[in-house]
Amino acid sequence: MNITTMNHEKRNELFKRMEIEFILEAEKNPTYEEVRNIVAEKYGKPAEQVDVLTVKGNFGTNQFNSKVDVYDSVEKLAEIK
């Protein structure tokens, strides 16, 4: 399982987070926890600071569109959610 294409990456200073959209390639549907861990590893942040919004598959392919937010701190994530 790996990230093949980064569609959108934007810094949101108001909410102190990175808003990321990407395409993930995997043999089976990835769980939110698996996506959280991949993004945390890529950005060098703890998994607790990553909020997975969506993981949507495309019929007949092994590609999944995902949206995640990576917060600066766990406290900021808890405040927003």
Protein backbone atom coordinates (compact mmCIF):
# COMPACT_ATOMS: atom_id res chain seq x y z
CA MET A 1 0.00 0.00 0.00
CA ASN A 2 1.46 3.35 -1.04
CA ILE A 3 0.51 6.89 -1.98
CA THR A 4 0.72 7.24 -5.75
CA THR A 5 -0.58 10.77 -6.43
CA MET A 6 -0.91 13.88 -4.26
CA ASN A 7 -3.95 15.77 -5.56
CA HIS A 8 -4.11 18.62 -3.06
CA GLU A 9 -1.98 19.77 -0.15
CA LYS A 10 -2.86 23.01 1.61
CA ARG A 11 -1.89 24.58 4.93
CA ASN A 12 -4.85 25.93 6.95
CA GLU A 13 -3.43 28.37 9.52
CA LEU A 14 -6.81 29.06 11.11
CA PHE A 15 -7.20 25.43 12.22
CA LYS A 16 -3.43 24.73 12.43
CA ARG A 17 -3.52 21.76 10.06
CA MET A 18 -2.49 20.44 6.66
CA GLU A 19 -5.41 19.46 4.42
CA ILE A 20 -4.35 16.65 2.10
CA GLU A 21 -6.06 14.77 -0.74
CA PHE A 22 -4.29 11.88 -2.42
CA ILE A 23 -4.70 8.59 -4.28
CA LEU A 24 -3.64 5.47 -2.45
CA GLU A 25 -2.93 2.18 -4.22
CA ALA A 26 -3.71 -1.04 -2.33
CA GLU A 27 -4.77 -4.61 -3.02
CA LYS A 28 -7.76 -4.40 -0.65
CA ASN A 29 -9.76 -1.63 0.98
CA PRO A 30 -7.46 0.11 3.45
CA THR A 31 -8.84 0.81 6.91
CA TYR A 32 -8.84 4.30 8.36
CA GLU A 33 -6.15 3.14 10.79
CA GLU A 34 -3.89 1.96 7.95
CA VAL A 35 -4.32 5.27 6.09
CA ARG A 36 -3.66 7.19 9.34
CA ASN A 37 -0.39 5.28 9.88
CA ILE A 38 0.82 5.78 6.29
CA VAL A 39 0.18 9.55 6.41
CA ALA A 40 1.74 9.86 9.88
CA GLU A 41 4.88 8.12 8.64
CA LYS A 42 5.07 10.27 5.49
CA TYR A 43 4.74 13.56 7.40
CA GLY A 44 6.72 12.52 10.47
CA LYS A 45 3.83 13.15 12.87
CA PRO A 46 2.26 10.91 15.52
CA ALA A 47 -0.78 8.99 14.27
CA GLU A 48 -2.89 10.70 16.95
CA GLN A 49 -2.54 14.00 15.05
CA VAL A 50 -3.95 12.57 11.80
CA ASP A 51 -7.70 12.72 11.12
CA VAL A 52 -8.86 10.55 8.20
CA LEU A 53 -11.96 12.08 6.61
CA THR A 54 -12.64 9.72 3.68
CA VAL A 55 -11.33 6.63 1.92
CA LYS A 56 -13.30 6.03 -1.28
CA GLY A 57 -12.61 3.25 -3.75
CA ASN A 58 -13.08 3.35 -7.51
CA PHE A 59 -14.96 0.34 -8.85
CA GLY A 60 -12.74 -2.14 -10.67
CA THR A 61 -9.43 -0.54 -9.64
CA ASN A 62 -7.05 -0.81 -6.74
CA GLN A 63 -6.93 2.97 -6.23
CA PHE A 64 -8.59 4.80 -3.34
CA ASN A 65 -9.19 8.55 -3.05
CA SER A 66 -8.47 9.76 0.47
CA LYS A 67 -8.79 13.02 2.38
CA VAL A 68 -6.95 13.59 5.64
CA ASP A 69 -6.12 16.46 7.97
CA VAL A 70 -2.79 16.50 9.82
CA TYR A 71 -2.96 18.73 12.89
CA ASP A 72 -0.07 20.48 14.62
CA SER A 73 -1.07 18.97 17.99
CA VAL A 74 -3.44 16.45 19.52
CA GLU A 75 -4.99 19.27 21.57
CA LYS A 76 -5.89 21.22 18.42
CA LEU A 77 -7.48 18.10 16.90
CA ALA A 78 -9.56 17.55 20.04
CA GLU A 79 -10.58 21.22 20.08
CA ILE A 80 -11.79 21.12 16.46
CA LYS A 81 -13.53 17.75 16.70
